[in-house]
């Protein structure tokens, strides 16, 4: 019986949520030069995140959407993204958790 309560308590302490914030046709962290826009090729699927920790309701900053875009573009050396979805993700692990923005979409550069 005690094991059942321990498992239930453990599962109740680890939860969170993810919310679709926006669906964008095109986005860039900075305005790309015109020649890059004209000659851009598909570079792959980009996935970037910006997260900040909180412990016992003490927040250590807020996540930045532009940082998430930059983190999605950097590995693929991209200039902009198309068909982008922005998520607000909030995993919670008992007395601490994360505030995150996650960005996914097609990277061009």
N, C-alpha and C. Protein backbone atom coordinates (compact mmCIF):
# COMPACT_ATOMS: atom_id res chain seq x y z
N UNK A 1 0.82 -1.20 0.00
CA UNK A 1 0.00 0.00 0.00
C UNK A 1 0.87 1.27 0.00
N UNK A 2 1.94 1.24 0.79
CA UNK A 2 2.82 2.41 0.85
C UNK A 2 3.50 2.66 -0.50
N UNK A 3 3.86 1.59 -1.21
CA UNK A 3 4.49 1.75 -2.51
C UNK A 3 3.55 2.44 -3.49
N UNK A 4 2.27 2.12 -3.42
CA UNK A 4 1.27 2.76 -4.29
C UNK A 4 1.19 4.26 -4.03
N UNK A 5 1.20 4.65 -2.77
CA UNK A 5 1.14 6.07 -2.43
C UNK A 5 2.43 6.78 -2.85
N UNK A 6 3.55 6.10 -2.70
CA UNK A 6 4.84 6.70 -3.10
C UNK A 6 4.87 6.94 -4.60
N UNK A 7 4.39 5.98 -5.39
CA UNK A 7 4.35 6.14 -6.84
C UNK A 7 3.41 7.27 -7.23
N UNK A 8 2.25 7.32 -6.60
CA UNK A 8 1.28 8.39 -6.88
C UNK A 8 1.86 9.76 -6.54
N UNK A 9 2.54 9.86 -5.42
CA UNK A 9 3.16 11.13 -5.01
C UNK A 9 4.27 11.53 -5.97
N UNK A 10 5.06 10.55 -6.42
CA UNK A 10 6.12 10.83 -7.38
C UNK A 10 5.55 11.33 -8.70
N UNK A 11 4.50 10.69 -9.20
CA UNK A 11 3.88 11.12 -10.45
C UNK A 11 3.22 12.49 -10.32
N UNK A 12 2.65 12.78 -9.17
CA UNK A 12 2.02 14.09 -8.96
C UNK A 12 3.05 15.20 -8.91
N UNK A 13 4.30 14.88 -8.52
CA UNK A 13 5.35 15.89 -8.44
C UNK A 13 6.04 16.16 -9.76
N UNK A 14 5.81 15.34 -10.77
CA UNK A 14 6.44 15.54 -12.07
C UNK A 14 5.36 15.73 -13.13
N UNK A 15 5.09 16.96 -13.47
CA UNK A 15 4.07 17.26 -14.47
C UNK A 15 4.47 18.56 -15.15
N UNK A 16 3.68 18.98 -16.05
CA UNK A 16 3.96 20.22 -16.77
C UNK A 16 2.94 20.40 -17.88
N UNK A 17 3.19 21.37 -18.72
CA UNK A 17 2.27 21.60 -19.83
C UNK A 17 3.04 22.20 -21.01
N UNK A 18 2.46 22.06 -22.18
CA UNK A 18 3.00 22.64 -23.41
C UNK A 18 1.84 23.27 -24.16
N UNK A 19 2.00 24.52 -24.55
CA UNK A 19 0.93 25.26 -25.21
C UNK A 19 1.44 25.80 -26.54
N UNK A 20 0.66 25.61 -27.59
CA UNK A 20 0.98 26.17 -28.90
C UNK A 20 0.70 27.66 -28.83
N UNK A 21 1.74 28.48 -28.98
CA UNK A 21 1.61 29.93 -28.85
C UNK A 21 1.32 30.60 -30.19
N UNK A 22 2.02 30.14 -31.25
CA UNK A 22 1.86 30.80 -32.55
C UNK A 22 2.24 29.85 -33.68
N UNK A 23 1.63 30.07 -34.82
CA UNK A 23 2.01 29.41 -36.07
C UNK A 23 2.33 30.52 -37.06
N UNK A 24 3.58 30.58 -37.51
CA UNK A 24 4.06 31.67 -38.34
C UNK A 24 4.48 31.15 -39.71
N UNK A 25 4.20 31.92 -40.75
CA UNK A 25 4.58 31.53 -42.12
C UNK A 25 6.07 31.73 -42.35
N UNK A 26 6.64 32.77 -41.77
CA UNK A 26 8.06 33.04 -41.94
C UNK A 26 8.57 33.91 -40.82
N UNK A 27 9.82 33.67 -40.42
CA UNK A 27 10.41 34.44 -39.33
C UNK A 27 11.93 34.38 -39.42
N UNK A 28 12.57 35.44 -38.94
CA UNK A 28 14.03 35.50 -38.87
C UNK A 28 14.42 36.24 -37.59
N UNK A 29 15.53 35.84 -36.99
CA UNK A 29 16.01 36.53 -35.79
C UNK A 29 16.47 37.94 -36.15
N UNK A 30 17.05 38.08 -37.36
CA UNK A 30 17.46 39.38 -37.89
C UNK A 30 17.04 39.42 -39.35
N UNK A 31 16.86 40.61 -39.90
CA UNK A 31 16.45 40.73 -41.30
C UNK A 31 17.59 40.25 -42.19
N UNK A 32 17.36 39.18 -42.98
CA UNK A 32 18.42 38.69 -43.88
C UNK A 32 18.60 39.63 -45.06
N UNK A 33 19.82 39.69 -45.61
CA UNK A 33 20.06 40.50 -46.81
C UNK A 33 19.20 40.00 -47.97
N UNK A 34 18.89 40.90 -48.90
CA UNK A 34 18.01 40.58 -50.03
C UNK A 34 18.56 39.45 -50.88
N UNK A 35 19.87 39.42 -51.11
CA UNK A 35 20.44 38.34 -51.93
C UNK A 35 20.31 36.97 -51.26
N UNK A 36 20.36 36.93 -49.94
CA UNK A 36 20.15 35.67 -49.21
C UNK A 36 18.71 35.21 -49.38
N UNK A 37 17.78 36.11 -49.32
CA UNK A 37 16.36 35.76 -49.49
C UNK A 37 16.10 35.19 -50.89
N UNK A 38 16.78 35.73 -51.88
CA UNK A 38 16.58 35.30 -53.27
C UNK A 38 17.20 33.93 -53.54
N UNK A 39 18.35 33.67 -52.96
CA UNK A 39 19.09 32.44 -53.27
C UNK A 39 18.99 31.38 -52.17
N UNK A 40 18.12 31.56 -51.23
CA UNK A 40 18.03 30.64 -50.09
C UNK A 40 17.61 29.24 -50.53
N UNK A 41 18.22 28.24 -49.90
CA UNK A 41 17.88 26.84 -50.13
C UNK A 41 17.48 26.20 -48.80
N UNK A 42 16.70 25.16 -48.90
CA UNK A 42 16.24 24.44 -47.72
C UNK A 42 17.42 23.75 -47.04
N UNK A 43 17.57 23.96 -45.74
CA UNK A 43 18.70 23.39 -45.00
C UNK A 43 18.28 22.29 -44.03
N UNK A 44 16.99 22.14 -43.79
CA UNK A 44 16.55 21.08 -42.88
C UNK A 44 15.55 21.58 -41.87
N UNK A 45 15.21 20.68 -40.96
CA UNK A 45 14.23 20.95 -39.91
C UNK A 45 14.96 21.56 -38.72
N UNK A 46 14.52 22.75 -38.31
CA UNK A 46 15.14 23.43 -37.18
C UNK A 46 14.33 23.28 -35.91
N UNK A 47 15.01 23.15 -34.80
CA UNK A 47 14.39 22.99 -33.49
C UNK A 47 15.26 23.72 -32.48
N UNK A 48 14.72 24.77 -31.87
CA UNK A 48 15.49 25.55 -30.91
C UNK A 48 14.70 25.83 -29.67
N UNK A 49 15.40 26.09 -28.58
CA UNK A 49 14.74 26.29 -27.30
C UNK A 49 15.47 27.37 -26.50
N UNK A 50 14.71 28.08 -25.69
CA UNK A 50 15.24 29.03 -24.73
C UNK A 50 14.54 28.74 -23.42
N UNK A 51 15.30 28.42 -22.37
CA UNK A 51 14.70 28.02 -21.09
C UNK A 51 15.32 28.79 -19.94
N UNK A 52 14.54 28.97 -18.90
CA UNK A 52 15.01 29.57 -17.65
C UNK A 52 14.47 28.74 -16.48
N UNK A 53 15.30 28.57 -15.49
CA UNK A 53 14.99 27.76 -14.31
C UNK A 53 14.21 28.55 -13.28
N UNK A 54 13.34 27.86 -12.53
CA UNK A 54 12.73 28.43 -11.34
C UNK A 54 12.81 27.40 -10.23
N UNK A 55 13.05 27.86 -9.02
CA UNK A 55 13.11 27.00 -7.84
C UNK A 55 12.27 27.64 -6.75
N UNK A 56 11.31 26.88 -6.23
CA UNK A 56 10.43 27.37 -5.15
C UNK A 56 9.87 28.75 -5.47
N UNK A 57 9.36 28.93 -6.65
CA UNK A 57 8.72 30.15 -7.13
C UNK A 57 9.69 31.31 -7.33
N UNK A 58 11.00 31.10 -7.18
CA UNK A 58 12.01 32.11 -7.47
C UNK A 58 12.43 31.92 -8.93
N UNK A 59 12.18 32.93 -9.75
CA UNK A 59 12.47 32.85 -11.19
C UNK A 59 13.86 33.39 -11.48
N UNK A 60 14.56 32.72 -12.37
CA UNK A 60 15.91 33.15 -12.77
C UNK A 60 15.87 33.63 -14.21
N UNK A 61 15.03 34.62 -14.47
CA UNK A 61 14.90 35.21 -15.80
C UNK A 61 13.73 34.63 -16.57
N UNK A 62 13.49 35.20 -17.73
CA UNK A 62 12.42 34.75 -18.61
C UNK A 62 13.01 34.26 -19.93
N UNK A 63 12.44 33.21 -20.50
CA UNK A 63 12.94 32.73 -21.79
C UNK A 63 12.70 33.78 -22.88
N UNK A 64 13.54 33.75 -23.92
CA UNK A 64 13.45 34.71 -25.01
C UNK A 64 13.14 34.00 -26.31
N UNK A 65 12.11 34.43 -27.02
CA UNK A 65 11.72 33.80 -28.29
C UNK A 65 12.82 33.99 -29.33
N UNK A 66 13.45 35.15 -29.38
CA UNK A 66 14.51 35.38 -30.36
C UNK A 66 15.71 34.47 -30.10
N UNK A 67 15.99 34.14 -28.85
CA UNK A 67 17.05 33.20 -28.52
C UNK A 67 16.70 31.79 -29.03
N UNK A 68 15.43 31.41 -28.92
CA UNK A 68 14.98 30.11 -29.43
C UNK A 68 15.13 30.05 -30.95
N UNK A 69 14.77 31.14 -31.66
CA UNK A 69 14.96 31.20 -33.12
C UNK A 69 16.44 31.07 -33.49
N UNK A 70 17.29 31.80 -32.80
CA UNK A 70 18.73 31.73 -33.07
C UNK A 70 19.25 30.32 -32.83
N UNK A 71 18.79 29.67 -31.75
CA UNK A 71 19.24 28.31 -31.46
C UNK A 71 18.74 27.31 -32.50
N UNK A 72 17.63 27.58 -33.15
CA UNK A 72 17.13 26.71 -34.22
C UNK A 72 17.89 26.93 -35.52
N UNK A 73 18.31 28.16 -35.80
CA UNK A 73 19.01 28.50 -37.04
C UNK A 73 20.49 28.14 -37.02
N UNK A 74 21.14 28.30 -35.87
CA UNK A 74 22.60 28.17 -35.77
C UNK A 74 23.14 26.82 -36.26
N UNK A 75 22.62 25.67 -35.83
CA UNK A 75 23.23 24.40 -36.25
C UNK A 75 23.17 24.16 -37.76
N UNK A 76 22.17 24.73 -38.42
CA UNK A 76 22.00 24.52 -39.86
C UNK A 76 22.53 25.70 -40.68
N UNK A 77 23.12 26.68 -40.01
CA UNK A 77 23.64 27.90 -40.66
C UNK A 77 22.55 28.56 -41.50
N UNK A 78 21.36 28.68 -40.91
CA UNK A 78 20.23 29.25 -41.61
C UNK A 78 20.11 30.75 -41.43
N UNK A 79 19.32 31.36 -42.31
CA UNK A 79 19.07 32.80 -42.26
C UNK A 79 17.65 33.10 -41.80
N UNK A 80 16.70 32.21 -42.15
CA UNK A 80 15.31 32.42 -41.75
C UNK A 80 14.59 31.08 -41.72
N UNK A 81 13.38 31.10 -41.16
CA UNK A 81 12.57 29.89 -41.03
C UNK A 81 11.19 30.11 -41.65
N UNK A 82 10.61 29.04 -42.17
CA UNK A 82 9.24 29.06 -42.70
C UNK A 82 8.42 27.99 -42.01
N UNK A 83 7.10 28.19 -42.00
CA UNK A 83 6.17 27.24 -41.38
C UNK A 83 6.60 26.90 -39.96
N UNK A 84 6.68 27.93 -39.15
CA UNK A 84 7.21 27.84 -37.79
C UNK A 84 6.08 27.70 -36.78
N UNK A 85 6.30 26.86 -35.79
CA UNK A 85 5.39 26.76 -34.66
C UNK A 85 6.17 27.11 -33.40
N UNK A 86 5.59 27.97 -32.57
CA UNK A 86 6.20 28.39 -31.30
C UNK A 86 5.38 27.77 -30.17
N UNK A 87 6.07 27.09 -29.27
CA UNK A 87 5.44 26.47 -28.11
C UNK A 87 5.94 27.11 -26.83
N UNK A 88 5.08 27.18 -25.84
CA UNK A 88 5.47 27.55 -24.49
C UNK A 88 5.43 26.27 -23.67
N UNK A 89 6.58 25.86 -23.16
CA UNK A 89 6.72 24.57 -22.48
C UNK A 89 7.11 24.83 -21.03
N UNK A 90 6.43 24.12 -20.12
CA UNK A 90 6.65 24.34 -18.69
C UNK A 90 6.72 23.03 -17.92
N UNK A 91 7.84 22.30 -17.99
CA UNK A 91 7.96 21.09 -17.18
C UNK A 91 8.18 21.45 -15.71
N UNK A 92 7.58 20.68 -14.83
CA UNK A 92 7.68 20.90 -13.39
C UNK A 92 8.15 19.61 -12.74
N UNK A 93 9.13 19.71 -11.86
CA UNK A 93 9.68 18.55 -11.15
C UNK A 93 9.64 18.80 -9.65
N UNK A 94 8.46 18.79 -9.08
CA UNK A 94 8.33 19.02 -7.64
C UNK A 94 8.52 20.49 -7.31
N UNK A 95 9.65 20.81 -6.67
CA UNK A 95 9.90 22.17 -6.20
C UNK A 95 10.68 23.04 -7.18
N UNK A 96 10.97 22.50 -8.37
CA UNK A 96 11.64 23.31 -9.38
C UNK A 96 11.08 22.96 -10.76
N UNK A 97 11.39 23.80 -11.73
CA UNK A 97 10.90 23.57 -13.08
C UNK A 97 11.55 24.55 -14.05
N UNK A 98 11.01 24.58 -15.25
CA UNK A 98 11.56 25.40 -16.32
C UNK A 98 10.45 26.19 -17.01
N UNK A 99 10.77 27.38 -17.45
CA UNK A 99 9.93 28.16 -18.37
C UNK A 99 10.68 28.13 -19.69
N UNK A 100 10.07 27.63 -20.76
CA UNK A 100 10.76 27.49 -22.04
C UNK A 100 9.89 27.98 -23.21
N UNK A 101 10.56 28.48 -24.23
CA UNK A 101 9.96 28.67 -25.56
C UNK A 101 10.67 27.70 -26.48
N UNK A 102 9.90 26.94 -27.25
CA UNK A 102 10.45 26.00 -28.22
C UNK A 102 9.95 26.41 -29.60
N UNK A 103 10.86 26.43 -30.57
CA UNK A 103 10.56 26.84 -31.94
C UNK A 103 10.95 25.70 -32.87
N UNK A 104 10.01 25.31 -33.76
CA UNK A 104 10.29 24.27 -34.75
C UNK A 104 9.80 24.73 -36.12
N UNK A 105 10.53 24.37 -37.16
CA UNK A 105 10.12 24.74 -38.52
C UNK A 105 11.20 24.47 -39.54
N UNK A 106 10.93 24.82 -40.78
CA UNK A 106 11.85 24.62 -41.91
C UNK A 106 12.88 25.76 -41.96
N UNK A 107 14.15 25.39 -42.03
CA UNK A 107 15.23 26.38 -42.05
C UNK A 107 15.74 26.56 -43.47
N UNK A 108 15.93 27.83 -43.84
CA UNK A 108 16.47 28.18 -45.16
C UNK A 108 17.66 29.09 -44.98
N UNK A 109 18.60 29.02 -45.91
CA UNK A 109 19.76 29.88 -45.80
C UNK A 109 20.58 29.91 -47.07
